[in-house]
Every structure is written in structure tokens, then in C-alpha cells.
Amino acid sequence: MSLLTLWLEAGNPNISIVLDSGDSEHIYNNDPLFDNLEKGKFDVIKTGKQNTVFPVRGKGTLCLTWVNNTISLQNCLLVPKIVINLIRNGELATRGCILLSQNSNFSVSKNSCIYFGVKVNNGLFIVNNSDYIGKKPEPELGIPKRFWHKVHKSCCLSFNQIPRKGLARSPWEIAHNRKFTSGLLKKLRNPALILNQTRSQGQQLHEKGEEGK
């Protein structure tokens, strides 16, 4: 597997992802960014600089998000020693993506939806920085922390199986509009002991069963 893209200076903070014209796998150098990663010893890539060879340490899937548009890169290679990250235009084309050009501005789109922009720097197509790499986090509800205890109380009430007086359905059924799944909750198997404090009139017994003095 040969890497035909021009080589960049190590440590250049202005360049993170390059859109390459190749049709092989995408290449990334940071394994925490992968959503699914199969580590191992795979193939190697060769660069045009002094025939340098870099080993491939894994294959997986990586997601990039620009605003509300997320693209999933399949068959992405993990190459820790590579300086830049590469997105293969040929691989994107096989998935129906199109590289558009207008007034020296470039972008990658699919189904009339623009996913990300591209700028030219020293003959290289530099992908605009993504807003988020990896799985997009679930949006927060925005509930202030001072109300969290009320949310917890409400959740506990929803799992309560005892209907309120005058109601035929339990709180959980009311909240979910269906009956609670049978067998979902299981006993912890911790026996409970109850102390029966039966006392005779005129006698004082200690709570532990020993006569009071």
C-alpha cells in the first residue's frame, strides 16, 4: 500500500486532515478517536519520502461531525506514526459523495447536503476542522443541578408498583402507558429480619432480649 500524498512538516498545527485523491482506506493517527477499533498487526504504508514504511496498527470506524452533519468513515486505518490524517476522496465517491468546486472553494456533499468544506493550502486539500470527532454525545436536558433530586424522586415514583388510592394503574403504567415488564426486576436475595418485641405487662425486657436491670 503506497501513500502518494505529499508529506507535511511534523507538528504543523494548522493541518489536521487532508482530502486525498486515493481510493484506498482512510488513515488516522489517534486511536481514542475511533468508535470501533480492531487492533492488531495489519499491512504497512509507504511514503514518498525516503521510502519510509509505517505499520498499520488497527482498523475501524470513525465519525466526524460538522454542525449537524455527521459522516462515518468505514475501514479507517490506525497509523500512529503518520504525521497527518487522510480522508480518501475515492472511498467517499464509492458511497455517493461528490467533491464540488465553486470560486476556488471546495466542499464534499451527498444528496444535496454539504458535509464539510475544503480549502487549498500549498497544493493540498485541507479539510475544515470538524466540530466533534467520535460519537456525538446525547444532548443534555438542561435541568439545573438544584432540581436533580426532584428528577430522581420522580424516577423512583415511576418504578413504584403500588397504585395511588383511587387509581387502578400503577405510577409506572401511567408514566409509560403500558404494563411493567414481568421479570424485569429481580429480588436481591437478602433476607429481612424483624424483631418481635412482645412485652408482658409488669416486665421490662431489653430490646436484645436481656432482662432490664
Protein backbone atom coordinates (compact mmCIF):
# COMPACT_ATOMS: atom_id res chain seq x y z
CA MET A 1 0.00 0.00 0.00
CA SER A 2 1.65 3.23 -1.14
CA LEU A 3 0.95 6.68 0.23
CA LEU A 4 1.12 9.13 -2.69
CA THR A 5 0.07 12.25 -0.80
CA LEU A 6 2.69 14.96 -0.35
CA TRP A 7 4.46 14.84 3.01
CA LEU A 8 4.00 17.62 5.57
CA GLU A 9 6.23 19.01 8.25
CA ALA A 10 5.79 17.27 11.59
CA GLY A 11 3.93 19.24 14.20
CA ASN A 12 2.14 21.66 11.88
CA PRO A 13 -0.89 22.70 14.00
CA ASN A 14 -2.74 24.24 11.06
CA ILE A 15 -3.15 20.99 9.16
CA SER A 16 -5.03 18.07 10.72
CA ILE A 17 -6.96 16.32 7.92
CA VAL A 18 -6.10 16.16 4.21
CA LEU A 19 -8.55 15.10 1.50
CA ASP A 20 -6.53 12.69 -0.63
CA SER A 21 -7.29 11.61 -4.20
CA GLY A 22 -6.60 7.94 -3.48
CA ASP A 23 -9.27 5.25 -3.40
CA SER A 24 -7.89 3.12 -0.57
CA GLU A 25 -8.71 3.29 3.15
CA HIS A 26 -8.83 6.45 5.26
CA ILE A 27 -5.88 6.93 7.63
CA TYR A 28 -5.86 8.35 11.17
CA ASN A 29 -3.14 8.52 13.79
CA ASN A 30 -5.07 8.71 17.07
CA ASP A 31 -6.79 5.57 18.34
CA PRO A 32 -9.02 7.28 21.01
CA LEU A 33 -10.89 8.98 18.15
CA PHE A 34 -12.18 5.67 16.76
CA ASP A 35 -15.69 4.49 17.57
CA ASN A 36 -14.92 0.86 16.79
CA LEU A 37 -11.32 -0.28 16.51
CA GLU A 38 -9.82 -3.70 15.88
CA LYS A 39 -6.19 -3.53 16.94
CA GLY A 40 -3.51 -5.80 15.53
CA LYS A 41 -0.68 -6.02 13.03
CA PHE A 42 -2.07 -5.46 9.56
CA ASP A 43 -0.46 -4.01 6.42
CA VAL A 44 2.09 -1.21 6.11
CA ILE A 45 2.01 2.08 4.20
CA LYS A 46 4.90 3.53 2.24
CA THR A 47 5.52 7.24 1.83
CA GLY A 48 7.26 9.04 -0.97
CA LYS A 49 9.85 10.39 1.44
CA GLN A 50 12.94 8.16 1.55
CA ASN A 51 10.72 5.07 1.20
CA THR A 52 9.59 5.35 4.81
CA VAL A 53 7.36 2.48 5.96
CA PHE A 54 4.75 2.88 8.70
CA PRO A 55 2.91 -0.10 10.21
CA VAL A 56 -0.88 -0.22 10.40
CA ARG A 57 -1.92 -0.93 14.00
CA GLY A 58 -5.67 -1.22 13.60
CA LYS A 59 -8.83 -0.90 11.50
CA GLY A 60 -12.15 0.59 12.48
CA THR A 61 -14.84 3.22 12.11
CA LEU A 62 -14.53 6.92 12.82
CA CYS A 63 -17.25 9.60 12.87
CA LEU A 64 -16.75 13.29 12.10
CA THR A 65 -19.38 15.94 12.79
CA TRP A 66 -19.69 19.40 11.27
CA VAL A 67 -22.57 21.33 12.87
CA ASN A 68 -25.48 18.87 12.43
CA ASN A 69 -23.91 16.77 9.67
CA THR A 70 -22.14 13.56 10.67
CA ILE A 71 -20.16 11.33 8.33
CA SER A 72 -18.98 7.85 9.27
CA LEU A 73 -15.63 6.75 7.83
CA GLN A 74 -15.60 2.98 7.32
CA ASN A 75 -12.42 0.89 7.01
CA CYS A 76 -10.29 3.59 8.59
CA LEU A 77 -6.68 2.58 9.30
CA LEU A 78 -4.86 3.41 12.52
CA VAL A 79 -1.30 4.52 11.76
CA PRO A 80 0.13 6.12 14.94
CA LYS A 81 3.39 7.28 13.34
CA ILE A 82 1.86 9.21 10.46
CA VAL A 83 2.00 13.00 10.69
CA ILE A 84 -1.33 13.85 9.05
CA ASN A 85 -4.77 12.29 8.85
CA LEU A 86 -6.13 11.37 5.42
CA ILE A 87 -9.68 11.14 4.10
CA ARG A 88 -9.75 9.34 0.77
CA ASN A 89 -11.87 11.06 -1.85
CA GLY A 90 -12.12 7.85 -3.85
CA GLU A 91 -13.57 5.99 -0.86
CA LEU A 92 -16.12 8.77 -0.34
CA ALA A 93 -17.06 8.63 -4.02
CA THR A 94 -17.97 4.95 -3.74
CA ARG A 95 -20.51 5.95 -1.08
CA GLY A 96 -22.13 8.58 -3.29
CA CYS A 97 -20.23 11.66 -2.07
CA ILE A 98 -19.31 14.39 -4.55
CA LEU A 99 -16.47 16.93 -4.46
CA LEU A 100 -17.88 20.33 -5.51
CA SER A 101 -15.87 23.34 -6.69
CA GLN A 102 -17.10 26.92 -6.89
CA ASN A 103 -14.99 30.11 -6.95
CA SER A 104 -11.91 28.27 -5.64
CA ASN A 105 -13.99 26.90 -2.76
CA PHE A 106 -14.43 23.16 -2.38
CA SER A 107 -16.86 21.04 -0.42
CA VAL A 108 -17.95 17.42 -0.09
CA SER A 109 -21.68 16.74 -0.39
CA LYS A 110 -24.14 13.86 -0.65
CA ASN A 111 -27.80 14.01 -1.66
CA SER A 112 -27.54 17.83 -1.99
CA CYS A 113 -26.34 18.08 1.63
CA ILE A 114 -22.91 19.63 2.20
CA TYR A 115 -20.99 17.70 4.85
CA PHE A 116 -17.75 19.66 5.11
CA GLY A 117 -15.71 22.33 3.38
CA VAL A 118 -12.22 22.05 1.94
CA LYS A 119 -9.56 24.70 1.43
CA VAL A 120 -6.38 24.55 -0.65
CA ASN A 121 -3.05 25.06 1.12
CA ASN A 122 0.24 24.54 -0.75
CA GLY A 123 -1.46 22.28 -3.24
CA LEU A 124 -3.16 20.16 -0.59
CA PHE A 125 -6.90 19.91 0.06
CA ILE A 126 -7.23 20.67 3.77
CA VAL A 127 -10.49 19.60 5.39
CA ASN A 128 -12.10 22.23 7.63
CA ASN A 129 -11.82 21.32 11.29
CA SER A 130 -14.75 19.24 12.47
CA ASP A 131 -16.82 20.32 15.47
CA TYR A 132 -16.66 16.88 17.01
CA ILE A 133 -14.77 13.62 16.40
CA GLY A 134 -16.30 10.35 17.54
CA LYS A 135 -19.85 9.53 18.52
CA LYS A 136 -21.89 12.65 19.01
CA PRO A 137 -22.88 13.00 22.67
CA GLU A 138 -26.54 12.90 23.59
CA PRO A 139 -27.98 16.38 24.16
CA GLU A 140 -28.48 17.34 27.78
CA LEU A 141 -31.93 18.18 29.09
CA GLY A 142 -30.64 21.40 30.60
CA ILE A 143 -32.16 20.73 34.02
CA PRO A 144 -30.38 22.81 36.71
CA LYS A 145 -28.49 20.77 39.28
CA ARG A 146 -30.69 22.05 42.10
CA PHE A 147 -33.63 20.14 40.58
CA TRP A 148 -31.81 16.82 40.12
CA HIS A 149 -33.15 15.42 43.40
CA LYS A 150 -36.69 16.06 42.17
CA VAL A 151 -35.92 14.20 38.94
CA HIS A 152 -34.55 11.30 40.96
CA LYS A 153 -37.65 11.28 43.13
CA SER A 154 -39.86 11.29 40.06
CA CYS A 155 -37.95 8.35 38.57
CA CYS A 156 -38.31 6.37 41.78
CA LEU A 157 -42.03 7.13 41.78
CA SER A 158 -42.32 5.85 38.23
CA PHE A 159 -40.97 2.47 39.28
CA ASN A 160 -43.34 2.23 42.22
CA GLN A 161 -45.72 -0.65 41.65
CA ILE A 162 -48.30 0.43 44.22
CA PRO A 163 -51.19 2.39 42.65
CA ARG A 164 -52.35 5.50 44.41
CA LYS A 165 -55.64 5.43 46.23
CA GLY A 166 -58.50 5.59 43.78
CA LEU A 167 -56.33 4.67 40.76
CA ALA A 168 -56.30 1.32 39.02
CA ARG A 169 -52.92 1.74 37.33
CA SER A 170 -49.51 1.97 38.97
CA PRO A 171 -47.35 5.10 38.57
CA TRP A 172 -45.07 3.22 36.17
CA GLU A 173 -48.01 2.29 33.93
CA ILE A 174 -49.21 5.89 33.94
CA ALA A 175 -45.75 7.20 33.01
CA HIS A 176 -45.15 4.67 30.19
CA ASN A 177 -48.73 3.92 29.14
CA ARG A 178 -48.08 0.16 29.34
CA LYS A 179 -47.70 -2.50 31.98
CA PHE A 180 -44.39 -3.12 33.69
CA THR A 181 -42.41 -5.93 32.03
CA SER A 182 -42.75 -9.11 34.03
CA GLY A 183 -39.44 -10.38 35.42
CA LEU A 184 -37.56 -7.14 34.76
CA LEU A 185 -36.94 -6.57 38.46
CA LYS A 186 -35.40 -9.38 40.48
CA LYS A 187 -35.02 -9.91 44.18
CA LEU A 188 -31.65 -9.14 45.75
CA ARG A 189 -31.99 -12.31 47.84
CA ASN A 190 -31.12 -10.51 51.06
CA PRO A 191 -33.39 -11.87 53.83
CA ALA A 192 -35.04 -9.33 56.10
CA LEU A 193 -35.21 -9.96 59.87
CA ILE A 194 -37.99 -8.48 62.00
CA LEU A 195 -37.60 -8.14 65.77
CA ASN A 196 -40.83 -9.03 67.54
CA GLN A 197 -40.82 -7.04 70.78
CA THR A 198 -43.70 -8.74 72.58
CA ARG A 199 -43.78 -7.46 76.15
CA SER A 200 -45.74 -8.68 79.16
CA GLN A 201 -47.33 -6.13 81.45
CA GLY A 202 -45.22 -5.51 84.52
CA GLN A 203 -41.97 -6.76 82.97
CA GLN A 204 -39.22 -4.69 81.42
CA LEU A 205 -37.24 -6.50 78.76
CA HIS A 206 -34.22 -5.18 76.99
CA GLU A 207 -34.61 -4.83 73.24
CA LYS A 208 -31.97 -7.50 72.73
CA GLY A 209 -33.88 -9.97 74.90
CA GLU A 210 -31.90 -9.47 78.06
CA GLU A 211 -33.83 -8.57 81.25
CA GLY A 212 -33.53 -4.95 82.27
CA LYS A 213 -31.73 -4.25 85.47
